[in-house]
Amino acid sequence: MVERLENGNTWIVNCHAGPDNPQILEVTPDKKLAWSFKDFERFGNALPVAVPLTP
């Protein structure tokens, strides 16, 4: 899932991240990492279905 946020950043949910990669990323318009989240042990590849979509 990819979503453009109101602040211009892009939110990326990596559904097949694997244990060594972040599962959620927020990237700025100039392609810099704003933040990332990784907890593969707890969420595995199921995290994207837990993220609410905005209408």
N, C-alpha and C. Protein backbone atom coordinates (compact mmCIF):
# COMPACT_ATOMS: atom_id res chain seq x y z
N MET A 1 0.84 -1.16 0.00
CA MET A 1 0.00 0.00 0.00
C MET A 1 0.89 1.23 0.00
N VAL A 2 0.50 2.22 -0.79
CA VAL A 2 1.20 3.49 -0.84
C VAL A 2 0.15 4.58 -0.73
N GLU A 3 0.42 5.58 0.08
CA GLU A 3 -0.54 6.67 0.26
C GLU A 3 0.20 7.99 0.37
N ARG A 4 -0.26 8.98 -0.39
CA ARG A 4 0.29 10.33 -0.30
C ARG A 4 -0.40 11.03 0.86
N LEU A 5 0.37 11.60 1.77
CA LEU A 5 -0.16 12.27 2.94
C LEU A 5 -0.37 13.76 2.66
N GLU A 6 -1.16 14.41 3.50
CA GLU A 6 -1.45 15.84 3.33
C GLU A 6 -0.18 16.69 3.39
N ASN A 7 0.83 16.23 4.13
CA ASN A 7 2.07 17.00 4.24
C ASN A 7 2.99 16.80 3.04
N GLY A 8 2.55 16.03 2.04
CA GLY A 8 3.35 15.79 0.84
C GLY A 8 4.23 14.56 0.91
N ASN A 9 4.38 13.99 2.10
CA ASN A 9 5.16 12.77 2.25
C ASN A 9 4.39 11.58 1.71
N THR A 10 5.08 10.49 1.49
CA THR A 10 4.47 9.25 1.02
C THR A 10 4.66 8.18 2.07
N TRP A 11 3.56 7.51 2.37
CA TRP A 11 3.55 6.42 3.35
C TRP A 11 3.56 5.12 2.58
N ILE A 12 4.51 4.23 2.88
CA ILE A 12 4.65 2.96 2.17
C ILE A 12 4.55 1.82 3.17
N VAL A 13 3.66 0.87 2.90
CA VAL A 13 3.56 -0.33 3.72
C VAL A 13 4.10 -1.48 2.88
N ASN A 14 5.16 -2.09 3.36
CA ASN A 14 5.86 -3.15 2.64
C ASN A 14 5.32 -4.49 3.12
N CYS A 15 4.41 -5.09 2.37
CA CYS A 15 3.73 -6.31 2.81
C CYS A 15 4.62 -7.54 2.78
N HIS A 16 5.74 -7.50 2.10
CA HIS A 16 6.66 -8.63 2.05
C HIS A 16 8.05 -8.19 2.49
N ALA A 17 8.09 -7.46 3.60
CA ALA A 17 9.34 -6.86 4.06
C ALA A 17 10.39 -7.89 4.44
N GLY A 18 9.96 -8.97 5.06
CA GLY A 18 10.92 -9.93 5.59
C GLY A 18 11.50 -9.40 6.89
N PRO A 19 12.14 -10.23 7.67
CA PRO A 19 12.59 -9.84 9.00
C PRO A 19 13.68 -8.79 9.04
N ASP A 20 14.34 -8.52 7.93
CA ASP A 20 15.46 -7.57 7.94
C ASP A 20 15.10 -6.18 7.40
N ASN A 21 13.86 -5.98 7.00
CA ASN A 21 13.48 -4.71 6.37
C ASN A 21 12.33 -4.05 7.10
N PRO A 22 12.22 -2.71 6.99
CA PRO A 22 11.10 -2.03 7.63
C PRO A 22 9.78 -2.39 6.97
N GLN A 23 8.73 -2.40 7.78
CA GLN A 23 7.41 -2.75 7.27
C GLN A 23 6.59 -1.51 6.89
N ILE A 24 6.86 -0.38 7.53
CA ILE A 24 6.20 0.88 7.19
C ILE A 24 7.27 1.95 7.09
N LEU A 25 7.18 2.77 6.04
CA LEU A 25 8.12 3.87 5.83
C LEU A 25 7.34 5.13 5.50
N GLU A 26 7.88 6.27 5.90
CA GLU A 26 7.37 7.54 5.43
C GLU A 26 8.53 8.26 4.76
N VAL A 27 8.33 8.66 3.52
CA VAL A 27 9.39 9.26 2.71
C VAL A 27 8.96 10.67 2.32
N THR A 28 9.88 11.63 2.42
CA THR A 28 9.59 13.02 2.06
C THR A 28 9.60 13.18 0.54
N PRO A 29 9.06 14.30 0.03
CA PRO A 29 9.07 14.53 -1.42
C PRO A 29 10.49 14.53 -2.02
N ASP A 30 11.49 14.89 -1.21
CA ASP A 30 12.87 14.86 -1.73
C ASP A 30 13.56 13.52 -1.44
N LYS A 31 12.72 12.48 -1.22
CA LYS A 31 13.17 11.08 -1.10
C LYS A 31 14.05 10.79 0.11
N LYS A 32 13.80 11.52 1.20
CA LYS A 32 14.51 11.25 2.45
C LYS A 32 13.58 10.51 3.39
N LEU A 33 14.12 9.61 4.16
CA LEU A 33 13.34 8.83 5.10
C LEU A 33 12.92 9.71 6.27
N ALA A 34 11.61 9.85 6.49
CA ALA A 34 11.10 10.60 7.64
C ALA A 34 11.11 9.69 8.88
N TRP A 35 10.65 8.46 8.73
CA TRP A 35 10.67 7.47 9.80
C TRP A 35 10.36 6.10 9.20
N SER A 36 10.65 5.07 9.98
CA SER A 36 10.29 3.71 9.56
C SER A 36 9.93 2.89 10.79
N PHE A 37 9.22 1.81 10.56
CA PHE A 37 8.78 0.92 11.63
C PHE A 37 9.08 -0.50 11.23
N LYS A 38 9.61 -1.27 12.19
CA LYS A 38 9.88 -2.69 11.93
C LYS A 38 9.66 -3.47 13.22
N ASP A 39 8.79 -4.45 13.16
CA ASP A 39 8.59 -5.40 14.27
C ASP A 39 8.10 -6.71 13.64
N PHE A 40 8.97 -7.33 12.87
CA PHE A 40 8.60 -8.54 12.14
C PHE A 40 8.22 -9.68 13.08
N GLU A 41 8.88 -9.74 14.22
CA GLU A 41 8.60 -10.82 15.17
C GLU A 41 7.14 -10.78 15.62
N ARG A 42 6.62 -9.59 15.86
CA ARG A 42 5.25 -9.46 16.35
C ARG A 42 4.22 -9.49 15.22
N PHE A 43 4.52 -8.82 14.09
CA PHE A 43 3.51 -8.65 13.04
C PHE A 43 3.75 -9.49 11.79
N GLY A 44 4.97 -9.92 11.53
CA GLY A 44 5.26 -10.68 10.32
C GLY A 44 4.80 -9.94 9.08
N ASN A 45 4.31 -10.66 8.08
CA ASN A 45 3.81 -10.03 6.86
C ASN A 45 2.34 -9.64 6.96
N ALA A 46 1.74 -9.73 8.14
CA ALA A 46 0.32 -9.42 8.32
C ALA A 46 0.08 -7.95 8.64
N LEU A 47 1.12 -7.16 8.85
CA LEU A 47 0.95 -5.77 9.24
C LEU A 47 0.13 -4.94 8.27
N PRO A 48 0.27 -5.07 6.96
CA PRO A 48 -0.50 -4.22 6.05
C PRO A 48 -2.01 -4.34 6.23
N VAL A 49 -2.52 -5.48 6.62
CA VAL A 49 -3.96 -5.61 6.81
C VAL A 49 -4.42 -4.94 8.08
N ALA A 50 -3.50 -4.56 8.96
CA ALA A 50 -3.84 -3.89 10.22
C ALA A 50 -3.83 -2.38 10.07
N VAL A 51 -3.37 -1.87 8.94
CA VAL A 51 -3.25 -0.43 8.73
C VAL A 51 -4.55 0.09 8.11
N PRO A 52 -5.21 1.05 8.78
CA PRO A 52 -6.47 1.56 8.21
C PRO A 52 -6.21 2.42 6.98
N LEU A 53 -7.06 2.30 6.00
CA LEU A 53 -7.00 3.12 4.80
C LEU A 53 -7.82 4.38 5.03
N THR A 54 -7.37 5.50 4.52
CA THR A 54 -8.16 6.72 4.64
C THR A 54 -9.18 6.76 3.51
N PRO A 55 -10.35 7.31 3.80
CA PRO A 55 -11.40 7.33 2.75
C PRO A 55 -11.07 8.25 1.60
